[in-house]
Amino acid sequence: MFFFQACRGDDEGHEVYVTESTDAVKKVVLPSMSNLLVVHSSLPDHVSHRDEVSGTWFCQDLIQVLNSNFLTQDLETMLKTVAQKLESRLSQKTKKTSSSY
C-alpha cells in the first residue's frame, strides 16, 4: 500500500497478461499495477491542504481513522471515512479538498 502526500504524474500504465487455471485456458488482461493500492491526498491538478501546526489534513485524518478503526473495519471503508472527513474540512480561505484512491 502506498499513501502519497505528493504531486501527481500522467503515466497511463501498461497491461500484464496472466493465464487463469481453469478447464479451458483463458487469458485475462490486468493492469500492471493491479496488486497496488495507491491513495492520493488530493484529486489531480488540485492542492493538498495542511495546518501549519498539526500538519496535512490528509495525514491527520488517515492516522486518526486507521488508529480508531483498524480492528473493526476493512481498509476501503476506512478510506471512505477519510475522504468524508477531508470533504467536511474548510480552509481559512473557505477552500475544500478531496482524496483519491
PDB file of N, CA and C in Angstrom:
ATOM      1  N   MET A   1       0.848  -1.165   0.000  1.00  0.00           N
ATOM      2  CA  MET A   1       0.000   0.000   0.000  1.00  0.00           C
ATOM      3  C   MET A   1       0.891   1.223   0.000  1.00  0.00           C
ATOM      4  N   PHE A   2       0.497   2.193  -0.761  1.00  0.00           N
ATOM      5  CA  PHE A   2       1.217   3.454  -0.815  1.00  0.00           C
ATOM      6  C   PHE A   2       0.227   4.590  -0.579  1.00  0.00           C
ATOM      7  N   PHE A   3       0.567   5.471   0.320  1.00  0.00           N
ATOM      8  CA  PHE A   3      -0.226   6.663   0.580  1.00  0.00           C
ATOM      9  C   PHE A   3       0.643   7.847   0.203  1.00  0.00           C
ATOM     10  N   PHE A   4       0.208   8.626  -0.777  1.00  0.00           N
ATOM     11  CA  PHE A   4       1.011   9.732  -1.272  1.00  0.00           C
ATOM     12  C   PHE A   4       0.493  11.069  -0.796  1.00  0.00           C
ATOM     13  N   GLN A   5       1.407  11.835  -0.246  1.00  0.00           N
ATOM     14  CA  GLN A   5       1.170  13.231   0.072  1.00  0.00           C
ATOM     15  C   GLN A   5       2.118  13.978  -0.856  1.00  0.00           C
ATOM     16  N   ALA A   6       1.786  13.970  -2.166  1.00  0.00           N
ATOM     17  CA  ALA A   6       2.716  14.490  -3.167  1.00  0.00           C
ATOM     18  C   ALA A   6       1.980  14.886  -4.438  1.00  0.00           C
ATOM     19  N   CYS A   7       2.731  15.486  -5.372  1.00  0.00           N
ATOM     20  CA  CYS A   7       2.191  15.837  -6.685  1.00  0.00           C
ATOM     21  C   CYS A   7       1.922  14.579  -7.494  1.00  0.00           C
ATOM     22  N   ARG A   8       1.149  14.690  -8.576  1.00  0.00           N
ATOM     23  CA  ARG A   8       0.746  13.540  -9.369  1.00  0.00           C
ATOM     24  C   ARG A   8       1.296  13.611 -10.779  1.00  0.00           C
ATOM     25  N   GLY A   9       1.543  12.444 -11.419  1.00  0.00           N
ATOM     26  CA  GLY A   9       2.041  12.379 -12.791  1.00  0.00           C
ATOM     27  C   GLY A   9       0.937  12.055 -13.770  1.00  0.00           C
ATOM     28  N   ASP A  10       1.341  11.674 -15.031  1.00  0.00           N
ATOM     29  CA  ASP A  10       0.349  11.385 -16.063  1.00  0.00           C
ATOM     30  C   ASP A  10       0.573  10.040 -16.751  1.00  0.00           C
ATOM     31  N   ASP A  11       1.311   9.120 -16.120  1.00  0.00           N
ATOM     32  CA  ASP A  11       1.566   7.797 -16.694  1.00  0.00           C
ATOM     33  C   ASP A  11       0.260   7.010 -16.780  1.00  0.00           C
ATOM     34  N   GLU A  12      -0.010   6.435 -17.970  1.00  0.00           N
ATOM     35  CA  GLU A  12      -1.237   5.669 -18.162  1.00  0.00           C
ATOM     36  C   GLU A  12      -1.090   4.198 -17.794  1.00  0.00           C
ATOM     37  N   GLY A  13       0.124   3.731 -17.494  1.00  0.00           N
ATOM     38  CA  GLY A  13       0.334   2.345 -17.095  1.00  0.00           C
ATOM     39  C   GLY A  13       0.432   1.402 -18.278  1.00  0.00           C
ATOM     40  N   HIS A  14       0.719   0.115 -17.982  1.00  0.00           N
ATOM     41  CA  HIS A  14       0.868  -0.913 -19.010  1.00  0.00           C
ATOM     42  C   HIS A  14       0.033  -2.128 -18.634  1.00  0.00           C
ATOM     43  N   GLU A  15      -0.217  -3.000 -19.602  1.00  0.00           N
ATOM     44  CA  GLU A  15      -1.005  -4.203 -19.365  1.00  0.00           C
ATOM     45  C   GLU A  15      -0.097  -5.369 -18.995  1.00  0.00           C
ATOM     46  N   VAL A  16      -0.665  -6.309 -18.233  1.00  0.00           N
ATOM     47  CA  VAL A  16       0.018  -7.548 -17.901  1.00  0.00           C
ATOM     48  C   VAL A  16      -0.937  -8.677 -18.266  1.00  0.00           C
ATOM     49  N   TYR A  17      -0.436  -9.705 -18.941  1.00  0.00           N
ATOM     50  CA  TYR A  17      -1.263 -10.840 -19.330  1.00  0.00           C
ATOM     51  C   TYR A  17      -1.019 -11.996 -18.365  1.00  0.00           C
ATOM     52  N   VAL A  18      -2.100 -12.589 -17.873  1.00  0.00           N
ATOM     53  CA  VAL A  18      -1.999 -13.754 -16.995  1.00  0.00           C
ATOM     54  C   VAL A  18      -2.917 -14.836 -17.540  1.00  0.00           C
ATOM     55  N   THR A  19      -2.636 -16.076 -17.195  1.00  0.00           N
ATOM     56  CA  THR A  19      -3.476 -17.194 -17.612  1.00  0.00           C
ATOM     57  C   THR A  19      -4.170 -17.748 -16.383  1.00  0.00           C
ATOM     58  N   GLU A  20      -5.492 -17.844 -16.439  1.00  0.00           N
ATOM     59  CA  GLU A  20      -6.249 -18.417 -15.336  1.00  0.00           C
ATOM     60  C   GLU A  20      -6.167 -19.930 -15.429  1.00  0.00           C
ATOM     61  N   SER A  21      -6.062 -20.594 -14.290  1.00  0.00           N
ATOM     62  CA  SER A  21      -6.023 -22.056 -14.296  1.00  0.00           C
ATOM     63  C   SER A  21      -7.442 -22.589 -14.140  1.00  0.00           C
ATOM     64  N   THR A  22      -8.080 -22.835 -15.267  1.00  0.00           N
ATOM     65  CA  THR A  22      -9.420 -23.422 -15.300  1.00  0.00           C
ATOM     66  C   THR A  22      -9.383 -24.560 -16.307  1.00  0.00           C
ATOM     67  N   ASP A  23     -10.521 -25.193 -16.546  1.00  0.00           N
ATOM     68  CA  ASP A  23     -10.570 -26.277 -17.524  1.00  0.00           C
ATOM     69  C   ASP A  23     -10.162 -25.773 -18.904  1.00  0.00           C
ATOM     70  N   ALA A  24     -10.616 -24.620 -19.266  1.00  0.00           N
ATOM     71  CA  ALA A  24     -10.252 -24.027 -20.551  1.00  0.00           C
ATOM     72  C   ALA A  24      -9.230 -22.925 -20.287  1.00  0.00           C
ATOM     73  N   VAL A  25      -8.178 -22.911 -21.071  1.00  0.00           N
ATOM     74  CA  VAL A  25      -7.156 -21.884 -20.911  1.00  0.00           C
ATOM     75  C   VAL A  25      -7.736 -20.556 -21.385  1.00  0.00           C
ATOM     76  N   LYS A  26      -7.638 -19.565 -20.550  1.00  0.00           N
ATOM     77  CA  LYS A  26      -8.209 -18.265 -20.853  1.00  0.00           C
ATOM     78  C   LYS A  26      -7.212 -17.193 -20.411  1.00  0.00           C
ATOM     79  N   LYS A  27      -6.941 -16.258 -21.303  1.00  0.00           N
ATOM     80  CA  LYS A  27      -6.045 -15.165 -20.948  1.00  0.00           C
ATOM     81  C   LYS A  27      -6.855 -13.994 -20.421  1.00  0.00           C
ATOM     82  N   VAL A  28      -6.362 -13.411 -19.351  1.00  0.00           N
ATOM     83  CA  VAL A  28      -7.006 -12.269 -18.721  1.00  0.00           C
ATOM     84  C   VAL A  28      -6.019 -11.114 -18.751  1.00  0.00           C
ATOM     85  N   VAL A  29      -6.494  -9.938 -19.086  1.00  0.00           N
ATOM     86  CA  VAL A  29      -5.646  -8.750 -19.116  1.00  0.00           C
ATOM     87  C   VAL A  29      -5.859  -7.971 -17.823  1.00  0.00           C
ATOM     88  N   LEU A  30      -4.763  -7.762 -17.094  1.00  0.00           N
ATOM     89  CA  LEU A  30      -4.803  -6.982 -15.860  1.00  0.00           C
ATOM     90  C   LEU A  30      -3.880  -5.788 -15.987  1.00  0.00           C
ATOM     91  N   PRO A  31      -4.199  -4.696 -15.327  1.00  0.00           N
ATOM     92  CA  PRO A  31      -3.253  -3.579 -15.303  1.00  0.00           C
ATOM     93  C   PRO A  31      -1.974  -4.016 -14.593  1.00  0.00           C
ATOM     94  N   SER A  32      -0.837  -3.478 -14.999  1.00  0.00           N
ATOM     95  CA  SER A  32       0.430  -3.887 -14.407  1.00  0.00           C
ATOM     96  C   SER A  32       0.506  -3.576 -12.918  1.00  0.00           C
ATOM     97  N   MET A  33      -0.253  -2.632 -12.453  1.00  0.00           N
ATOM     98  CA  MET A  33      -0.222  -2.249 -11.046  1.00  0.00           C
ATOM     99  C   MET A  33      -1.473  -2.713 -10.299  1.00  0.00           C
ATOM    100  N   SER A  34      -2.116  -3.780 -10.745  1.00  0.00           N
ATOM    101  CA  SER A  34      -3.387  -4.201 -10.163  1.00  0.00           C
ATOM    102  C   SER A  34      -3.262  -4.705  -8.729  1.00  0.00           C
ATOM    103  N   ASN A  35      -2.048  -5.025  -8.288  1.00  0.00           N
ATOM    104  CA  ASN A  35      -1.883  -5.503  -6.927  1.00  0.00           C
ATOM    105  C   ASN A  35      -1.457  -4.386  -5.972  1.00  0.00           C
ATOM    106  N   LEU A  36      -1.605  -3.140  -6.390  1.00  0.00           N
ATOM    107  CA  LEU A  36      -1.244  -1.994  -5.565  1.00  0.00           C
ATOM    108  C   LEU A  36      -2.480  -1.206  -5.172  1.00  0.00           C
ATOM    109  N   LEU A  37      -2.411  -0.633  -3.999  1.00  0.00           N
ATOM    110  CA  LEU A  37      -3.414   0.335  -3.591  1.00  0.00           C
ATOM    111  C   LEU A  37      -2.681   1.659  -3.471  1.00  0.00           C
ATOM    112  N   VAL A  38      -3.102   2.626  -4.236  1.00  0.00           N
ATOM    113  CA  VAL A  38      -2.474   3.940  -4.226  1.00  0.00           C
ATOM    114  C   VAL A  38      -3.514   4.962  -3.796  1.00  0.00           C
ATOM    115  N   VAL A  39      -3.176   5.735  -2.784  1.00  0.00           N
ATOM    116  CA  VAL A  39      -4.085   6.749  -2.261  1.00  0.00           C
ATOM    117  C   VAL A  39      -3.388   8.099  -2.348  1.00  0.00           C
ATOM    118  N   HIS A  40      -4.074   9.081  -2.899  1.00  0.00           N
ATOM    119  CA  HIS A  40      -3.539  10.436  -3.019  1.00  0.00           C
ATOM    120  C   HIS A  40      -4.301  11.366  -2.092  1.00  0.00           C
ATOM    121  N   SER A  41      -3.611  12.367  -1.602  1.00  0.00           N
ATOM    122  CA  SER A  41      -4.227  13.321  -0.684  1.00  0.00           C
ATOM    123  C   SER A  41      -5.130  14.323  -1.385  1.00  0.00           C
ATOM    124  N   SER A  42      -5.073  14.369  -2.704  1.00  0.00           N
ATOM    125  CA  SER A  42      -5.913  15.308  -3.445  1.00  0.00           C
ATOM    126  C   SER A  42      -6.237  14.742  -4.819  1.00  0.00           C
ATOM    127  N   LEU A  43      -7.174  15.371  -5.477  1.00  0.00           N
ATOM    128  CA  LEU A  43      -7.525  14.992  -6.839  1.00  0.00           C
ATOM    129  C   LEU A  43      -6.479  15.541  -7.809  1.00  0.00           C
ATOM    130  N   PRO A  44      -6.397  15.005  -9.026  1.00  0.00           N
ATOM    131  CA  PRO A  44      -5.439  15.544  -9.996  1.00  0.00           C
ATOM    132  C   PRO A  44      -5.606  17.054 -10.178  1.00  0.00           C
ATOM    133  N   ASP A  45      -4.499  17.731 -10.281  1.00  0.00           N
ATOM    134  CA  ASP A  45      -4.458  19.184 -10.506  1.00  0.00           C
ATOM    135  C   ASP A  45      -5.004  20.015  -9.346  1.00  0.00           C
ATOM    136  N   HIS A  46      -5.123  19.427  -8.165  1.00  0.00           N
ATOM    137  CA  HIS A  46      -5.640  20.164  -7.003  1.00  0.00           C
ATOM    138  C   HIS A  46      -4.590  20.196  -5.891  1.00  0.00           C
ATOM    139  N   VAL A  47      -4.694  21.212  -5.039  1.00  0.00           N
ATOM    140  CA  VAL A  47      -3.774  21.334  -3.915  1.00  0.00           C
ATOM    141  C   VAL A  47      -4.185  20.390  -2.798  1.00  0.00           C
ATOM    142  N   SER A  48      -3.244  20.133  -1.891  1.00  0.00           N
ATOM    143  CA  SER A  48      -3.486  19.335  -0.708  1.00  0.00           C
ATOM    144  C   SER A  48      -3.260  20.251   0.492  1.00  0.00           C
ATOM    145  N   HIS A  49      -4.289  20.470   1.282  1.00  0.00           N
ATOM    146  CA  HIS A  49      -4.224  21.445   2.369  1.00  0.00           C
ATOM    147  C   HIS A  49      -3.494  20.899   3.591  1.00  0.00           C
ATOM    148  N   ARG A  50      -2.923  21.842   4.363  1.00  0.00           N
ATOM    149  CA  ARG A  50      -2.274  21.467   5.617  1.00  0.00           C
ATOM    150  C   ARG A  50      -2.452  22.570   6.644  1.00  0.00           C
ATOM    151  N   ASP A  51      -2.421  22.151   7.886  1.00  0.00           N
ATOM    152  CA  ASP A  51      -2.427  23.070   9.010  1.00  0.00           C
ATOM    153  C   ASP A  51      -0.971  23.309   9.386  1.00  0.00           C
ATOM    154  N   GLU A  52      -0.582  24.559   9.580  1.00  0.00           N
ATOM    155  CA  GLU A  52       0.827  24.882   9.853  1.00  0.00           C
ATOM    156  C   GLU A  52       1.326  24.272  11.157  1.00  0.00           C
ATOM    157  N   VAL A  53       0.444  23.968  12.093  1.00  0.00           N
ATOM    158  CA  VAL A  53       0.838  23.390  13.368  1.00  0.00           C
ATOM    159  C   VAL A  53       0.653  21.866  13.367  1.00  0.00           C
ATOM    160  N   SER A  54      -0.516  21.396  12.926  1.00  0.00           N
ATOM    161  CA  SER A  54      -0.873  19.975  13.015  1.00  0.00           C
ATOM    162  C   SER A  54      -0.438  19.142  11.824  1.00  0.00           C
ATOM    163  N   GLY A  55      -0.094  19.762  10.703  1.00  0.00           N
ATOM    164  CA  GLY A  55       0.310  19.023   9.507  1.00  0.00           C
ATOM    165  C   GLY A  55      -0.809  18.907   8.496  1.00  0.00           C
ATOM    166  N   THR A  56      -0.620  18.021   7.512  1.00  0.00           N
ATOM    167  CA  THR A  56      -1.582  17.909   6.424  1.00  0.00           C
ATOM    168  C   THR A  56      -2.898  17.309   6.902  1.00  0.00           C
ATOM    169  N   TRP A  57      -3.978  17.804   6.310  1.00  0.00           N
ATOM    170  CA  TRP A  57      -5.299  17.291   6.660  1.00  0.00           C
ATOM    171  C   TRP A  57      -5.385  15.792   6.374  1.00  0.00           C
ATOM    172  N   PHE A  58      -4.862  15.396   5.208  1.00  0.00           N
ATOM    173  CA  PHE A  58      -4.929  14.001   4.799  1.00  0.00           C
ATOM    174  C   PHE A  58      -4.241  13.094   5.822  1.00  0.00           C
ATOM    175  N   CYS A  59      -3.015  13.433   6.200  1.00  0.00           N
ATOM    176  CA  CYS A  59      -2.275  12.589   7.152  1.00  0.00           C
ATOM    177  C   CYS A  59      -2.953  12.576   8.523  1.00  0.00           C
ATOM    178  N   GLN A  60      -3.453  13.718   8.963  1.00  0.00           N
ATOM    179  CA  GLN A  60      -4.163  13.759  10.248  1.00  0.00           C
ATOM    180  C   GLN A  60      -5.359  12.814  10.241  1.00  0.00           C
ATOM    181  N   ASP A  61      -6.182  12.939   9.204  1.00  0.00           N
ATOM    182  CA  ASP A  61      -7.399  12.124   9.136  1.00  0.00           C
ATOM    183  C   ASP A  61      -7.088  10.652   8.909  1.00  0.00           C
ATOM    184  N   LEU A  62      -6.115  10.368   8.053  1.00  0.00           N
ATOM    185  CA  LEU A  62      -5.747   8.974   7.783  1.00  0.00           C
ATOM    186  C   LEU A  62      -5.265   8.282   9.054  1.00  0.00           C
ATOM    187  N   ILE A  63      -4.375   8.908   9.781  1.00  0.00           N
ATOM    188  CA  ILE A  63      -3.835   8.306  11.005  1.00  0.00           C
ATOM    189  C   ILE A  63      -4.934   8.128  12.048  1.00  0.00           C
ATOM    190  N   GLN A  64      -5.778   9.135  12.214  1.00  0.00           N
ATOM    191  CA  GLN A  64      -6.858   9.045  13.196  1.00  0.00           C
ATOM    192  C   GLN A  64      -7.828   7.908  12.858  1.00  0.00           C
ATOM    193  N   VAL A  65      -8.222   7.811  11.592  1.00  0.00           N
ATOM    194  CA  VAL A  65      -9.180   6.776  11.184  1.00  0.00           C
ATOM    195  C   VAL A  65      -8.560   5.383  11.283  1.00  0.00           C
ATOM    196  N   LEU A  66      -7.326   5.211  10.824  1.00  0.00           N
ATOM    197  CA  LEU A  66      -6.678   3.904  10.925  1.00  0.00           C
ATOM    198  C   LEU A  66      -6.513   3.478  12.379  1.00  0.00           C
ATOM    199  N   ASN A  67      -6.062   4.392  13.241  1.00  0.00           N
ATOM    200  CA  ASN A  67      -5.883   4.071  14.665  1.00  0.00           C
ATOM    201  C   ASN A  67      -7.188   3.698  15.347  1.00  0.00           C
ATOM    202  N   SER A  68      -8.261   4.351  14.982  1.00  0.00           N
ATOM    203  CA  SER A  68      -9.550   4.128  15.643  1.00  0.00           C
ATOM    204  C   SER A  68     -10.308   2.908  15.136  1.00  0.00           C
ATOM    205  N   ASN A  69     -10.065   2.501  13.886  1.00  0.00           N
ATOM    206  CA  ASN A  69     -10.952   1.507  13.264  1.00  0.00           C
ATOM    207  C   ASN A  69     -10.275   0.259  12.708  1.00  0.00           C
ATOM    208  N   PHE A  70      -8.956   0.113  12.839  1.00  0.00           N
ATOM    209  CA  PHE A  70      -8.279  -0.993  12.161  1.00  0.00           C
ATOM    210  C   PHE A  70      -8.738  -2.369  12.631  1.00  0.00           C
ATOM    211  N   LEU A  71      -9.269  -2.490  13.819  1.00  0.00           N
ATOM    212  CA  LEU A  71      -9.738  -3.791  14.303  1.00  0.00           C
ATOM    213  C   LEU A  71     -11.148  -4.141  13.835  1.00  0.00           C
ATOM    214  N   THR A  72     -11.925  -3.147  13.430  1.00  0.00           N
ATOM    215  CA  THR A  72     -13.334  -3.401  13.137  1.00  0.00           C
ATOM    216  C   THR A  72     -13.757  -3.115  11.698  1.00  0.00           C
ATOM    217  N   GLN A  73     -12.921  -2.408  10.925  1.00  0.00           N
ATOM    218  CA  GLN A  73     -13.325  -2.037   9.570  1.00  0.00           C
ATOM    219  C   GLN A  73     -12.278  -2.468   8.544  1.00  0.00           C
ATOM    220  N   ASP A  74     -12.744  -2.722   7.316  1.00  0.00           N
ATOM    221  CA  ASP A  74     -11.816  -3.015   6.230  1.00  0.00           C
ATOM    222  C   ASP A  74     -11.216  -1.709   5.724  1.00  0.00           C
ATOM    223  N   LEU A  75     -10.122  -1.828   4.969  1.00  0.00           N
ATOM    224  CA  LEU A  75      -9.389  -0.647   4.527  1.00  0.00           C
ATOM    225  C   LEU A  75     -10.232   0.263   3.642  1.00  0.00           C
ATOM    226  N   GLU A  76     -11.023  -0.310   2.741  1.00  0.00           N
ATOM    227  CA  GLU A  76     -11.840   0.520   1.857  1.00  0.00           C
ATOM    228  C   GLU A  76     -12.819   1.385   2.650  1.00  0.00           C
ATOM    229  N   THR A  77     -13.450   0.813   3.651  1.00  0.00           N
ATOM    230  CA  THR A  77     -14.374   1.568   4.498  1.00  0.00           C
ATOM    231  C   THR A  77     -13.643   2.694   5.212  1.00  0.00           C
ATOM    232  N   MET A  78     -12.453   2.397   5.718  1.00  0.00           N
ATOM    233  CA  MET A  78     -11.683   3.428   6.409  1.00  0.00           C
ATOM    234  C   MET A  78     -11.265   4.546   5.458  1.00  0.00           C
ATOM    235  N   LEU A  79     -10.891   4.209   4.221  1.00  0.00           N
ATOM    236  CA  LEU A  79     -10.514   5.240   3.255  1.00  0.00           C
ATOM    237  C   LEU A  79     -11.707   6.113   2.872  1.00  0.00           C
ATOM    238  N   LYS A  80     -12.882   5.517   2.811  1.00  0.00           N
ATOM    239  CA  LYS A  80     -14.090   6.311   2.557  1.00  0.00           C
ATOM    240  C   LYS A  80     -14.348   7.277   3.711  1.00  0.00           C
ATOM    241  N   THR A  81     -14.085   6.831   4.930  1.00  0.00           N
ATOM    242  CA  THR A  81     -14.242   7.699   6.090  1.00  0.00           C
ATOM    243  C   THR A  81     -13.249   8.852   6.031  1.00  0.00           C
ATOM    244  N   VAL A  82     -12.010   8.562   5.642  1.00  0.00           N
ATOM    245  CA  VAL A  82     -11.001   9.609   5.489  1.00  0.00           C
ATOM    246  C   VAL A  82     -11.474  10.630   4.456  1.00  0.00           C
ATOM    247  N   ALA A  83     -11.983  10.148   3.332  1.00  0.00           N
ATOM    248  CA  ALA A  83     -12.473  11.046   2.278  1.00  0.00           C
ATOM    249  C   ALA A  83     -13.602  11.929   2.800  1.00  0.00           C
ATOM    250  N   GLN A  84     -14.517  11.355   3.577  1.00  0.00           N
ATOM    251  CA  GLN A  84     -15.624  12.133   4.141  1.00  0.00           C
ATOM    252  C   GLN A  84     -15.115  13.187   5.114  1.00  0.00           C
ATOM    253  N   LYS A  85     -14.138  12.822   5.935  1.00  0.00           N
ATOM    254  CA  LYS A  85     -13.578  13.785   6.883  1.00  0.00           C
ATOM    255  C   LYS A  85     -12.887  14.930   6.140  1.00  0.00           C
ATOM    256  N   LEU A  86     -12.133  14.596   5.089  1.00  0.00           N
ATOM    257  CA  LEU A  86     -11.466  15.634   4.304  1.00  0.00           C
ATOM    258  C   LEU A  86     -12.472  16.584   3.671  1.00  0.00           C
ATOM    259  N   GLU A  87     -13.533  16.018   3.122  1.00  0.00           N
ATOM    260  CA  GLU A  87     -14.537  16.831   2.442  1.00  0.00           C
ATOM    261  C   GLU A  87     -15.312  17.720   3.402  1.00  0.00           C
ATOM    262  N   SER A  88     -15.301  17.393   4.690  1.00  0.00           N
ATOM    263  CA  SER A  88     -16.015  18.221   5.672  1.00  0.00           C
ATOM    264  C   SER A  88     -15.153  19.377   6.184  1.00  0.00           C
ATOM    265  N   ARG A  89     -13.862  19.355   5.881  1.00  0.00           N
ATOM    266  CA  ARG A  89     -12.956  20.424   6.328  1.00  0.00           C
ATOM    267  C   ARG A  89     -13.086  21.650   5.424  1.00  0.00           C
ATOM    268  N   LEU A  90     -12.747  22.797   5.988  1.00  0.00           N
ATOM    269  CA  LEU A  90     -12.795  24.052   5.249  1.00  0.00           C
ATOM    270  C   LEU A  90     -11.586  24.883   5.657  1.00  0.00           C
ATOM    271  N   SER A  91     -10.806  25.339   4.683  1.00  0.00           N
ATOM    272  CA  SER A  91      -9.614  26.127   4.981  1.00  0.00           C
ATOM    273  C   SER A  91      -9.999  27.537   5.421  1.00  0.00           C
ATOM    274  N   GLN A  92      -9.011  28.281   5.904  1.00  0.00           N
ATOM    275  CA  GLN A  92      -9.271  29.664   6.320  1.00  0.00           C
ATOM    276  C   GLN A  92      -9.766  30.511   5.156  1.00  0.00           C
ATOM    277  N   LYS A  93      -9.394  30.127   3.936  1.00  0.00           N
ATOM    278  CA  LYS A  93      -9.841  30.852   2.744  1.00  0.00           C
ATOM    279  C   LYS A  93     -11.068  30.184   2.130  1.00  0.00           C
ATOM    280  N   THR A  94     -11.795  29.427   2.942  1.00  0.00           N
ATOM    281  CA  THR A  94     -13.001  28.684   2.544  1.00  0.00           C
ATOM    282  C   THR A  94     -12.774  27.771   1.346  1.00  0.00           C
ATOM    283  N   LYS A  95     -11.625  27.082   1.318  1.00  0.00           N
ATOM    284  CA  LYS A  95     -11.314  26.101   0.275  1.00  0.00           C
ATOM    285  C   LYS A  95     -11.502  24.708   0.831  1.00  0.00           C
ATOM    286  N   LYS A  96     -11.812  23.755  -0.042  1.00  0.00           N
ATOM    287  CA  LYS A  96     -12.027  22.378   0.357  1.00  0.00           C
ATOM    288  C   LYS A  96     -11.078  21.462  -0.394  1.00  0.00           C
ATOM    289  N   THR A  97     -11.027  20.176   0.000  1.00  0.00           N
ATOM    290  CA  THR A  97     -10.187  19.196  -0.688  1.00  0.00           C
ATOM    291  C   THR A  97     -10.868  17.840  -0.700  1.00  0.00           C
ATOM    292  N   SER A  98     -10.429  16.955  -1.582  1.00  0.00           N
ATOM    293  CA  SER A  98     -10.912  15.576  -1.673  1.00  0.00           C
ATOM    294  C   SER A  98      -9.735  14.662  -1.920  1.00  0.00           C
ATOM    295  N   SER A  99      -9.770  13.457  -1.341  1.00  0.00           N
ATOM    296  CA  SER A  99      -8.710  12.480  -1.611  1.00  0.00           C
ATOM    297  C   SER A  99      -9.098  11.615  -2.791  1.00  0.00           C
ATOM    298  N   SER A 100      -8.151  10.795  -3.240  1.00  0.00           N
ATOM    299  CA  SER A 100      -8.382   9.948  -4.395  1.00  0.00           C
ATOM    300  C   SER A 100      -7.706   8.604  -4.204  1.00  0.00           C
ATOM    301  N   TYR A 101      -8.446   7.511  -4.456  1.00  0.00           N
ATOM    302  CA  TYR A 101      -7.853   6.162  -4.413  1.00  0.00           C
ATOM    303  C   TYR A 101      -8.497   5.286  -5.432  1.00  0.00           C
TER     304      TYR A 101
END
